[in-house]
Protein backbone atom coordinates (compact mmCIF):
# COMPACT_ATOMS: atom_id res chain seq x y z
CA UNK A 1 0.00 0.00 0.00
CA UNK A 2 1.34 3.40 -0.98
CA UNK A 3 1.52 6.03 1.74
CA UNK A 4 -0.45 9.26 1.27
CA UNK A 5 1.62 12.38 0.55
CA UNK A 6 0.59 15.66 2.13
CA UNK A 7 2.19 19.09 2.32
CA UNK A 8 3.23 20.38 5.74
CA UNK A 9 3.74 24.11 6.35
CA UNK A 10 5.01 26.13 9.28
CA UNK A 11 6.92 23.01 10.25
CA UNK A 12 9.60 22.33 12.80
CA UNK A 13 11.34 19.21 14.12
CA UNK A 14 10.83 18.19 17.75
CA UNK A 15 11.19 15.18 20.04
CA UNK A 16 7.76 15.52 21.57
CA UNK A 17 4.86 17.92 21.97
CA UNK A 18 5.15 18.23 25.75
CA UNK A 19 8.65 19.70 25.54
CA UNK A 20 8.92 21.02 21.97
CA UNK A 21 12.68 21.53 21.89
CA UNK A 22 13.92 21.89 18.32
CA UNK A 23 15.99 19.09 16.83
CA UNK A 24 17.80 18.37 13.57
CA UNK A 25 15.77 16.92 10.70
CA UNK A 26 16.66 13.21 10.93
CA UNK A 27 15.08 9.79 11.49
CA UNK A 28 13.64 9.24 14.94
CA UNK A 29 12.47 12.86 15.32
CA UNK A 30 8.94 14.17 14.67
CA UNK A 31 7.48 16.93 12.54
CA UNK A 32 5.16 19.51 14.02
CA UNK A 33 3.27 21.78 11.67
CA UNK A 34 0.11 22.48 9.68
CA UNK A 35 -1.27 20.14 7.02
CA UNK A 36 -3.89 20.51 4.32
CA UNK A 37 -5.40 17.74 2.25
CA UNK A 38 -4.41 14.56 4.11
CA UNK A 39 -6.58 11.63 3.01
CA UNK A 40 -7.23 10.40 6.57
CA UNK A 41 -6.67 13.41 8.83
CA UNK A 42 -8.44 16.76 9.16
CA UNK A 43 -6.70 19.95 8.08
CA UNK A 44 -4.83 21.63 10.90
CA UNK A 45 -1.93 21.19 13.28
CA UNK A 46 -0.21 17.82 13.36
CA UNK A 47 2.45 16.10 15.40
CA UNK A 48 3.66 13.20 13.27
CA UNK A 49 4.84 9.74 14.16
CA UNK A 50 8.61 9.26 14.15
CA UNK A 51 10.49 10.06 10.97
CA UNK A 52 11.83 6.98 9.18
CA UNK A 53 13.43 8.60 6.12
CA UNK A 54 14.43 12.09 4.95
CA UNK A 55 14.96 13.02 1.29
CA UNK A 56 16.47 16.51 1.51
CA UNK A 57 16.85 16.87 -2.26
CA UNK A 58 13.13 16.34 -2.91
CA UNK A 59 12.01 17.88 0.41
CA UNK A 60 10.21 14.72 1.50
CA UNK A 61 9.95 13.27 5.00
CA UNK A 62 8.54 9.77 5.45
CA UNK A 63 6.91 8.57 8.67
CA UNK A 64 5.32 5.21 9.41
CA UNK A 65 2.01 6.14 7.78
CA UNK A 66 2.58 9.17 5.53
CA UNK A 67 5.01 11.10 3.37
CA UNK A 68 5.23 14.83 4.03
CA UNK A 69 6.24 17.36 1.39
CA UNK A 70 8.06 20.09 3.28
CA UNK A 71 6.56 23.50 2.60
CA UNK A 72 7.33 26.72 4.45
CA UNK A 73 9.46 26.14 7.55
CA UNK A 74 8.40 27.90 10.76
CA UNK A 75 10.22 31.19 11.32
CA UNK A 76 11.42 30.22 14.79
CA UNK A 77 12.74 26.84 13.59
CA UNK A 78 14.55 28.47 10.65
CA UNK A 79 16.15 30.97 13.05
CA UNK A 80 17.17 28.15 15.44
CA UNK A 81 18.70 26.18 12.55
CA UNK A 82 20.58 29.23 11.22
CA UNK A 83 21.95 30.11 14.67
CA UNK A 84 23.10 26.51 15.17
CA UNK A 85 24.82 26.55 11.77
CA UNK A 86 26.43 29.95 12.46
CA UNK A 87 27.78 28.77 15.81
CA UNK A 88 29.42 25.74 14.16
CA UNK A 89 31.09 27.82 11.46
CA UNK A 90 32.32 30.63 13.74
């Protein structure tokens, strides 16, 4: 069975919803964001199951049940990621 693909906007990567500390986009983490048009879920905010695969070139993130097309990243996550990158290159 093919997994449904849905776009996720205003996304970030976290470990869990209770303590939404930002993490690097990699397997084992979870996406948090807003979806539209999922076949089985209502439109709105989602906290995904654990990431199993990341295709950075195509902007796709696969979880156990779905594939997410990465749309607009959340501003705060983008800032966190940039600051982390800048600190490593300084």
